[in-house]
Protein backbone atom coordinates (compact mmCIF):
# COMPACT_ATOMS: atom_id res chain seq x y z
CA MET A 1 -5.24 7.63 -14.22
CA ASN A 2 -7.57 8.33 -17.15
CA ASN A 3 -11.23 8.60 -16.25
CA ARG A 4 -13.97 6.80 -18.16
CA ILE A 5 -17.55 7.84 -18.65
CA LEU A 6 -19.57 6.54 -15.72
CA ALA A 7 -22.41 5.34 -17.88
CA LEU A 8 -20.09 3.17 -19.95
CA ALA A 9 -18.51 1.86 -16.77
CA ALA A 10 -21.92 0.85 -15.51
CA VAL A 11 -22.66 -0.99 -18.72
CA PHE A 12 -19.30 -2.75 -18.49
CA ALA A 13 -19.90 -3.75 -14.90
CA LEU A 14 -23.34 -5.15 -15.60
CA ALA A 15 -22.21 -6.97 -18.71
CA ALA A 16 -19.29 -8.51 -16.85
CA CYS A 17 -21.51 -9.90 -14.13
CA GLY A 18 -24.40 -11.22 -16.20
CA THR A 19 -28.02 -10.27 -15.74
CA ALA A 20 -30.28 -10.84 -12.79
CA ALA A 21 -32.62 -12.94 -14.93
CA GLU A 22 -29.89 -15.53 -15.41
CA GLU A 23 -29.80 -16.42 -11.69
CA PRO A 24 -33.27 -18.01 -11.43
CA ARG A 25 -32.67 -19.99 -14.60
CA ALA A 26 -29.36 -21.29 -13.28
CA ALA A 27 -30.92 -22.24 -9.95
CA ALA A 28 -33.83 -23.98 -11.63
CA SER A 29 -31.54 -26.05 -13.83
CA GLY A 30 -29.38 -27.17 -10.93
CA ALA A 31 -26.33 -25.61 -12.53
CA PRO A 32 -23.42 -24.57 -10.27
CA ALA A 33 -23.64 -21.13 -8.70
CA LYS A 34 -21.59 -18.72 -10.78
CA LEU A 35 -19.47 -16.43 -8.62
CA THR A 36 -17.79 -13.48 -10.31
CA VAL A 37 -14.48 -12.32 -8.85
CA TRP A 38 -12.68 -9.18 -10.01
CA ILE A 39 -8.88 -9.37 -9.62
CA MET A 40 -6.61 -6.50 -10.58
CA ASP A 41 -4.09 -6.86 -13.38
CA GLY A 42 -0.65 -7.68 -11.99
CA SER A 43 -1.84 -8.97 -8.62
CA VAL A 44 -1.61 -12.70 -9.38
CA THR A 45 -0.07 -14.82 -12.11
CA GLN A 46 -2.47 -16.54 -14.49
CA GLU A 47 -0.95 -19.86 -13.45
CA LEU A 48 -1.70 -19.34 -9.76
CA LEU A 49 -5.22 -18.07 -10.46
CA LYS A 50 -5.97 -21.13 -12.58
CA LYS A 51 -4.64 -23.40 -9.85
CA PHE A 52 -6.84 -21.68 -7.27
CA GLU A 53 -9.89 -21.86 -9.51
CA THR A 54 -9.43 -25.57 -10.21
CA GLU A 55 -8.81 -26.53 -6.59
CA TYR A 56 -11.60 -24.33 -5.25
CA GLU A 57 -14.21 -25.70 -7.64
CA ALA A 58 -13.12 -29.26 -6.84
CA ALA A 59 -13.66 -28.58 -3.14
CA HIS A 60 -16.92 -26.69 -3.70
CA LYS A 61 -18.93 -28.76 -6.18
CA GLY A 62 -21.78 -26.26 -6.43
CA VAL A 63 -19.62 -23.31 -7.41
CA ASP A 64 -18.39 -22.07 -10.79
CA LEU A 65 -15.76 -19.34 -10.38
CA ASP A 66 -15.60 -16.64 -13.03
CA ILE A 67 -12.36 -14.77 -12.31
CA GLN A 68 -12.09 -11.59 -14.36
CA ILE A 69 -8.91 -9.51 -14.62
CA GLN A 70 -9.46 -5.76 -14.34
CA ALA A 71 -7.14 -2.96 -15.47
CA TRP A 72 -6.22 -0.32 -12.89
CA ASP A 73 -6.97 2.41 -15.41
CA GLY A 74 -10.51 3.60 -14.72
CA ILE A 75 -11.13 1.03 -11.99
CA GLY A 76 -12.59 3.59 -9.57
CA GLU A 77 -15.47 4.36 -11.90
CA ARG A 78 -16.08 0.67 -12.66
CA VAL A 79 -16.17 -0.35 -9.01
CA THR A 80 -18.41 2.59 -8.09
CA ALA A 81 -20.80 1.66 -10.88
CA ALA A 82 -20.78 -2.01 -9.87
CA LEU A 83 -21.54 -1.20 -6.23
CA ALA A 84 -24.50 0.95 -7.31
CA SER A 85 -25.89 -1.74 -9.62
CA THR A 86 -28.35 -4.52 -8.77
CA ASP A 87 -26.02 -7.19 -10.11
CA ALA A 88 -22.54 -6.59 -8.74
CA PRO A 89 -19.58 -8.99 -8.82
CA ASP A 90 -19.42 -11.26 -5.79
CA VAL A 91 -15.87 -10.35 -4.74
CA ILE A 92 -13.75 -7.34 -5.77
CA GLU A 93 -10.07 -6.61 -5.16
CA VAL A 94 -9.55 -2.93 -4.30
CA GLY A 95 -6.59 -0.82 -3.22
CA ASN A 96 -6.38 -0.78 0.57
CA THR A 97 -6.75 3.01 0.76
CA GLN A 98 -9.81 2.92 -1.52
CA VAL A 99 -12.03 1.05 0.94
CA ALA A 100 -13.18 4.21 2.73
CA GLN A 101 -14.31 5.76 -0.55
CA TYR A 102 -16.28 2.69 -1.62
CA SER A 103 -17.82 1.94 1.76
CA ALA A 104 -19.11 5.52 1.99
CA SER A 105 -21.56 4.63 -0.77
CA GLY A 106 -23.23 2.04 1.44
CA GLY A 107 -22.66 -0.59 -1.22
CA VAL A 108 -20.08 -2.74 0.61
CA THR A 109 -20.93 -5.62 2.95
CA ASP A 110 -19.95 -5.26 6.61
CA LEU A 111 -17.77 -8.28 7.48
CA THR A 112 -17.03 -7.39 11.10
CA ALA A 113 -18.61 -10.62 12.35
CA LYS A 114 -16.11 -12.63 10.28
CA VAL A 115 -12.91 -10.98 11.56
CA ALA A 116 -12.15 -13.56 14.27
CA GLU A 117 -12.67 -16.47 11.90
CA LEU A 118 -10.34 -14.83 9.38
CA LYS A 119 -7.57 -14.45 12.01
CA GLY A 120 -7.99 -10.70 12.12
CA GLU A 121 -5.81 -10.37 15.21
CA ASP A 122 -2.86 -11.38 13.01
CA TRP A 123 -3.54 -9.00 10.08
CA LEU A 124 -1.01 -6.40 9.00
CA PRO A 125 -2.17 -3.09 10.51
CA GLY A 126 -1.52 -1.19 7.29
CA LEU A 127 -4.02 -3.39 5.48
CA ALA A 128 -6.54 -3.92 8.27
CA GLN A 129 -6.87 -0.29 9.34
CA PRO A 130 -7.93 1.14 5.95
CA GLY A 131 -10.53 -1.61 5.67
CA ASN A 132 -12.08 -0.67 9.00
CA ILE A 133 -14.44 2.29 8.81
CA ASP A 134 -16.08 3.59 12.00
CA GLY A 135 -15.39 0.31 13.77
CA LYS A 136 -16.75 -1.90 10.99
CA GLN A 137 -14.58 -4.13 8.81
CA TYR A 138 -15.47 -3.74 5.14
CA GLY A 139 -12.14 -4.61 3.54
CA ILE A 140 -10.38 -7.92 4.22
CA PRO A 141 -6.57 -7.68 3.92
CA TRP A 142 -5.13 -9.55 0.95
CA TYR A 143 -1.49 -8.61 0.31
CA ALA A 144 0.92 -5.77 1.00
CA ALA A 145 4.00 -4.01 -0.30
CA ASN A 146 6.02 -1.30 1.40
CA ARG A 147 9.27 0.60 1.15
CA VAL A 148 12.66 -0.55 2.41
CA VAL A 149 16.17 0.84 2.13
CA VAL A 150 17.93 -0.38 -1.01
CA TYR A 151 21.70 -0.02 -0.73
CA ASN A 152 24.86 -0.39 -2.81
CA LYS A 153 26.91 -3.18 -1.22
CA ASP A 154 30.16 -2.02 -2.81
CA LEU A 155 29.84 1.49 -1.37
CA PHE A 156 29.03 0.08 2.07
CA ALA A 157 32.14 -2.12 1.89
CA GLU A 158 34.34 0.78 0.76
CA ALA A 159 33.17 2.78 3.78
CA GLY A 160 33.93 -0.12 6.12
CA ILE A 161 30.27 -0.67 6.98
CA LYS A 162 29.74 -4.37 7.60
CA GLU A 163 26.03 -4.47 8.45
CA PRO A 164 22.96 -2.28 8.00
CA PRO A 165 21.84 0.06 10.78
CA LYS A 166 19.23 -1.04 13.30
CA THR A 167 18.24 2.38 14.65
CA ARG A 168 17.67 5.87 13.29
CA ASP A 169 20.79 7.20 15.06
CA GLU A 170 22.92 4.45 13.52
CA TRP A 171 21.34 5.20 10.15
CA LEU A 172 22.36 8.86 10.33
CA GLU A 173 25.86 7.88 11.45
CA ILE A 174 26.58 5.44 8.62
CA THR A 175 24.90 7.66 6.04
CA ALA A 176 27.26 10.46 7.02
CA LYS A 177 30.22 8.09 6.52
CA LEU A 178 28.90 7.14 3.09
CA ASN A 179 28.43 10.78 2.05
CA LYS A 180 32.05 11.32 1.03
CA GLY A 181 34.40 11.11 -1.92
CA GLY A 182 31.83 12.12 -4.49
CA ASN A 183 29.29 9.55 -3.27
CA GLN A 184 25.89 10.38 -1.83
CA GLY A 185 25.12 8.74 1.49
CA ILE A 186 21.49 8.64 0.48
CA TYR A 187 19.47 9.95 -2.43
CA LEU A 188 16.30 11.29 -0.83
CA THR A 189 14.28 13.92 -2.63
CA GLY A 190 12.56 16.73 -0.79
CA GLN A 191 9.05 15.51 -1.53
CA THR A 192 9.16 11.80 -0.71
CA TRP A 193 6.18 12.27 1.58
CA TYR A 194 5.46 8.58 2.21
CA ALA A 195 8.86 8.38 3.91
CA LEU A 196 8.03 11.50 5.93
CA ALA A 197 4.77 9.89 7.03
CA GLY A 198 6.71 6.96 8.49
CA PHE A 199 8.97 9.26 10.51
CA VAL A 200 5.93 11.19 11.77
CA TRP A 201 4.24 7.94 12.84
CA ASP A 202 7.42 6.82 14.61
CA GLU A 203 7.26 9.96 16.72
CA GLY A 204 3.65 9.29 17.70
CA GLY A 205 2.18 11.83 15.30
CA ASP A 206 -0.08 11.58 12.27
CA LEU A 207 -0.96 13.38 9.06
CA ALA A 208 -4.52 14.10 10.21
CA VAL A 209 -6.72 12.99 13.09
CA PRO A 210 -10.49 12.77 13.71
CA GLU A 211 -11.78 15.43 16.06
CA GLY A 212 -15.36 16.27 16.99
CA GLY A 213 -16.84 14.33 14.10
CA LYS A 214 -14.54 15.98 11.57
CA TRP A 215 -10.91 15.71 10.51
CA LYS A 216 -8.04 17.95 11.52
CA GLY A 217 -4.63 18.27 9.85
CA ALA A 218 -1.94 17.27 12.35
CA LEU A 219 1.44 18.08 10.82
CA ASP A 220 1.81 21.01 13.24
CA THR A 221 1.95 18.82 16.36
CA PRO A 222 5.28 18.46 18.22
CA GLN A 223 5.41 14.80 17.20
CA ALA A 224 4.91 15.52 13.50
CA LEU A 225 7.46 18.34 13.63
CA ALA A 226 9.97 15.92 15.14
CA GLY A 227 9.36 13.58 12.20
CA MET A 228 9.99 16.43 9.76
CA ALA A 229 13.18 17.38 11.63
CA PHE A 230 14.54 13.86 11.20
CA TYR A 231 13.63 13.89 7.51
CA LYS A 232 15.56 17.14 7.07
CA ARG A 233 18.69 15.69 8.73
CA LEU A 234 18.57 12.54 6.60
CA GLN A 235 17.81 14.35 3.35
CA ALA A 236 20.79 16.65 3.87
CA LEU A 237 23.16 13.65 3.66
CA GLY A 238 22.76 13.49 -0.11
CA LYS A 239 22.07 15.65 -3.12
CA GLY A 240 18.41 14.88 -3.72
CA PRO A 241 16.48 17.89 -5.09
CA LYS A 242 14.46 19.65 -2.43
CA ASP A 243 11.67 20.63 -4.81
CA ALA A 244 10.91 17.27 -6.48
CA ASP A 245 9.69 13.80 -5.64
CA GLU A 246 11.34 10.43 -6.29
CA ALA A 247 10.00 10.28 -9.84
CA ASN A 248 11.70 13.50 -10.98
CA PRO A 249 14.19 12.30 -12.03
CA PRO A 250 13.39 8.61 -11.51
CA GLN A 251 15.45 7.59 -8.50
CA HIS A 252 16.33 4.18 -9.93
CA GLU A 253 18.19 5.96 -12.72
CA VAL A 254 20.14 8.03 -10.21
CA PHE A 255 20.96 4.95 -8.12
CA ALA A 256 22.09 3.06 -11.23
CA GLN A 257 24.92 5.57 -11.75
CA GLY A 258 26.76 3.84 -8.89
CA LYS A 259 27.43 6.91 -6.76
CA VAL A 260 24.40 6.63 -4.47
CA ALA A 261 24.70 4.45 -1.37
CA GLN A 262 21.00 4.26 -0.44
CA ILE A 263 17.49 4.97 -1.65
CA ILE A 264 14.08 4.38 -0.04
CA ALA A 265 11.90 2.29 -2.35
CA VAL A 266 9.98 -0.95 -2.75
CA PRO A 267 12.35 -3.90 -3.39
CA GLY A 268 11.04 -4.32 -6.91
CA ILE A 269 12.91 -1.17 -7.92
CA ALA A 270 16.02 -3.36 -8.19
CA ALA A 271 14.73 -4.69 -11.50
CA ARG A 272 14.43 -1.14 -12.83
CA VAL A 273 18.00 -0.42 -11.72
CA LEU A 274 19.27 -3.45 -13.63
CA GLU A 275 17.49 -2.24 -16.75
CA VAL A 276 19.80 0.77 -16.63
CA ASP A 277 22.98 -1.03 -15.53
CA GLU A 278 22.97 -4.81 -15.39
CA THR A 279 26.46 -4.83 -13.84
CA LEU A 280 24.82 -3.93 -10.52
CA LYS A 281 23.31 -7.41 -10.33
CA GLY A 282 24.19 -8.94 -6.97
CA LYS A 283 25.44 -5.60 -5.67
CA MET A 284 22.18 -4.38 -4.16
CA GLY A 285 21.18 -5.10 -0.59
CA PHE A 286 17.99 -4.39 1.36
CA PHE A 287 17.11 -3.61 4.97
CA PRO A 288 13.96 -2.39 6.77
CA ILE A 289 13.72 1.34 7.39
CA PRO A 290 15.23 1.68 10.88
CA GLY A 291 13.11 2.72 13.83
CA LYS A 292 13.95 4.75 16.91
CA THR A 293 15.02 1.58 18.76
CA ALA A 294 16.63 -1.63 17.54
CA GLY A 295 13.70 -3.75 18.63
CA LYS A 296 11.17 -2.20 16.27
CA PRO A 297 11.52 -1.26 12.59
CA GLY A 298 10.49 2.17 11.39
CA ALA A 299 6.85 2.75 10.54
CA VAL A 300 6.08 2.50 6.82
CA PHE A 301 3.16 3.25 4.57
CA THR A 302 1.62 -0.07 3.60
CA GLY A 303 0.31 -0.23 0.07
CA GLY A 304 -1.56 -3.25 -1.18
CA SER A 305 -5.02 -4.65 -1.66
CA ASP A 306 -8.11 -5.65 0.29
CA LEU A 307 -11.03 -7.80 -0.82
CA ILE A 308 -14.59 -6.53 -0.52
CA ILE A 309 -18.01 -8.10 -1.05
CA PRO A 310 -20.56 -5.78 -2.66
CA ALA A 311 -23.82 -5.50 -0.77
CA ALA A 312 -25.61 -6.19 -4.06
CA ALA A 313 -23.88 -9.56 -4.50
CA LYS A 314 -26.62 -12.20 -4.51
CA ARG A 315 -24.65 -15.04 -2.92
CA GLN A 316 -23.16 -13.41 0.18
CA GLU A 317 -22.15 -16.56 2.07
CA GLN A 318 -20.58 -18.18 -0.97
CA ALA A 319 -18.74 -14.94 -1.74
CA TYR A 320 -17.42 -14.93 1.81
CA GLU A 321 -16.09 -18.47 1.39
CA VAL A 322 -14.10 -17.31 -1.65
CA VAL A 323 -12.68 -14.41 0.38
CA LYS A 324 -11.83 -16.82 3.19
CA ALA A 325 -9.91 -19.06 0.80
CA LEU A 326 -8.05 -16.20 -0.90
CA THR A 327 -6.98 -14.74 2.45
CA GLY A 328 -6.20 -18.07 4.09
CA GLN A 329 -2.76 -19.44 4.90
CA GLN A 330 -2.38 -21.73 1.88
CA PHE A 331 -3.16 -19.16 -0.81
CA GLN A 332 -1.35 -16.38 1.06
CA THR A 333 1.81 -18.48 1.10
CA GLU A 334 1.52 -19.29 -2.59
CA LEU A 335 0.78 -15.66 -3.49
CA ALA A 336 3.75 -14.34 -1.52
CA LYS A 337 6.14 -16.74 -3.20
CA ALA A 338 4.76 -16.17 -6.70
CA MET A 339 4.55 -12.38 -6.56
CA ALA A 340 7.07 -11.37 -3.84
CA PHE A 341 4.27 -9.68 -1.91
CA VAL A 342 3.97 -9.54 1.86
CA PRO A 343 1.21 -11.89 3.14
CA ASN A 344 -1.74 -10.41 5.00
CA ARG A 345 -0.70 -11.94 8.34
CA THR A 346 2.35 -11.06 10.42
CA SER A 347 2.82 -14.75 11.33
CA LEU A 348 3.39 -15.59 7.64
CA ALA A 349 6.32 -13.20 7.16
CA GLY A 350 8.73 -16.13 7.27
CA VAL A 351 7.58 -17.46 3.90
CA LEU A 352 9.62 -14.67 2.29
CA SER A 353 12.87 -15.46 4.12
CA GLY A 354 14.57 -16.80 1.00
CA ASP A 355 14.62 -13.40 -0.72
CA GLU A 356 16.51 -10.52 0.90
CA GLY A 357 14.35 -7.73 -0.52
CA THR A 358 10.96 -9.20 0.25
CA ALA A 359 12.14 -10.42 3.64
CA ALA A 360 13.15 -6.87 4.56
CA MET A 361 9.79 -5.67 3.29
CA ALA A 362 7.96 -8.18 5.47
CA VAL A 363 9.81 -7.03 8.59
CA GLY A 364 8.79 -3.44 7.90
CA ALA A 365 5.21 -4.42 7.11
CA ALA A 366 4.73 -5.52 10.72
CA ASN A 367 4.88 -1.81 11.61
CA GLY A 368 2.89 -0.67 8.59
CA ARG A 369 0.37 2.15 8.64
CA ALA A 370 -2.04 3.76 6.22
CA THR A 371 -3.08 7.28 5.34
CA PRO A 372 -6.04 8.83 7.22
CA ASN A 373 -9.11 6.69 6.73
CA THR A 374 -11.40 9.17 5.01
CA PRO A 375 -12.81 9.27 1.48
CA ASN A 376 -11.42 12.80 1.07
CA TRP A 377 -7.78 11.85 1.59
CA ALA A 378 -7.33 11.40 -2.16
CA ALA A 379 -8.17 15.07 -2.56
CA VAL A 380 -5.37 16.01 -0.14
CA GLU A 381 -2.87 14.06 -2.21
CA ALA A 382 -4.14 15.72 -5.37
CA THR A 383 -3.35 19.18 -4.00
CA SER A 384 0.31 18.22 -3.25
CA VAL A 385 0.18 20.40 -0.12
CA ILE A 386 2.36 18.01 1.88
CA LYS A 387 5.02 18.05 -0.82
CA GLN A 388 4.93 21.84 -0.90
CA TYR A 389 5.25 21.96 2.89
CA MET A 390 8.31 19.72 2.82
CA THR A 391 10.03 21.83 0.18
CA ALA A 392 9.27 25.00 2.13
CA VAL A 393 10.90 23.61 5.28
CA LEU A 394 13.90 22.13 3.46
CA THR A 395 14.60 25.44 1.71
CA GLY A 396 14.66 27.49 4.91
CA GLY A 397 11.06 28.06 5.90
CA ASP A 398 10.14 28.06 9.59
CA PRO A 399 8.91 24.50 10.34
CA ALA A 400 6.21 25.53 12.81
CA THR A 401 4.81 28.23 10.53
CA GLU A 402 4.80 26.01 7.45
CA ALA A 403 3.32 23.09 9.41
CA LYS A 404 0.47 25.27 10.64
CA LYS A 405 -0.32 26.34 7.08
CA VAL A 406 -0.34 22.80 5.68
CA SER A 407 -2.41 21.49 8.59
CA GLU A 408 -5.03 24.14 7.98
CA ALA A 409 -5.11 23.26 4.28
CA ILE A 410 -5.51 19.56 5.06
CA THR A 411 -8.33 20.34 7.51
CA THR A 412 -10.19 22.35 4.90
CA THR A 413 -9.85 19.68 2.23
CA LEU A 414 -10.83 16.76 4.46
CA ASN A 415 -13.97 18.49 5.65
CA SER A 416 -15.14 19.84 2.33
CA GLY A 417 -18.71 18.81 1.69
CA SER A 418 -19.26 17.66 5.28
């Protein structure tokens, strides 16, 4: 992501929201309250946003919604500048793992008192957890997306496999059957660390844990090592490079060659596959990443977005009502159907049942997790230490030794500046 000059971002943020002097004039004239909402590009169709705006303003006569689409490029600087201003937007969509970074500035409103009213007990954990910092809810879950197993139906049929696996053991068994005759049972690169995270979580481990007011890398625990051991067994049932991630080469291009039985990806990758070979249309299936038992899918990293209200927003209650509407059942259902996203509530997973890929994604989302909830986690990802650890183990390094080294590196990075 290209960075922009902070000063220019601040000017942009202030210009987008209007000036503080405009508020008294609007109030004095009896004009509707103008609420500015920042929505990220690609999150919602223009048609659905317009429908929401029209219906919301009809139901709230004193409100004029100004929905502004923001590009992801440079958004961190723009949001940071807006939160530090005296005239911030009223509602901002942010990536779920960005909430910790923004809330650390003190510029985000604490919405803990609203959790019950917003049906917080039903939220997807992978969206709710990143929005909760030190027991306070700053980010309100909006929508999610997570990885599933995308498979080649023809290769499954050729191997006599009639239905997808329900457990990890079954997954290994059928993948071994598929890994014959020049076909790869699975194409899994050595550095697909989001998949590793899910296996670690399934074992009861984590990437890092809070300890004594600081953070400690945790990939050297027995649970995390068990997750890595499973990853190694699964990865060996294909020809994925041990020293690269899923983008090198792009795994959809490898899958499109027709010799790979399975990949781990978001369902939307199917469209990329068809760009390479349209004859695979109708030949791709989807199932949730299997868990250790049939009754619970495997843990997955939940990507997606939360909504926040800047502390500097002048109309806090009215901003909350917008958040309430955007995260409510009606809009969540419409958003899921329009964008093939997973709704923010587990009880709404059924709205995706008509599409195999998104339905599989919704099942997995119920066991979704997020990366450690600290502003410094982005720095860990930037160092690629987890990827390097995985490659070291997959190429013969001692797992315990390598795990100790990466855990120490994570600890150092997470506590830098503390």
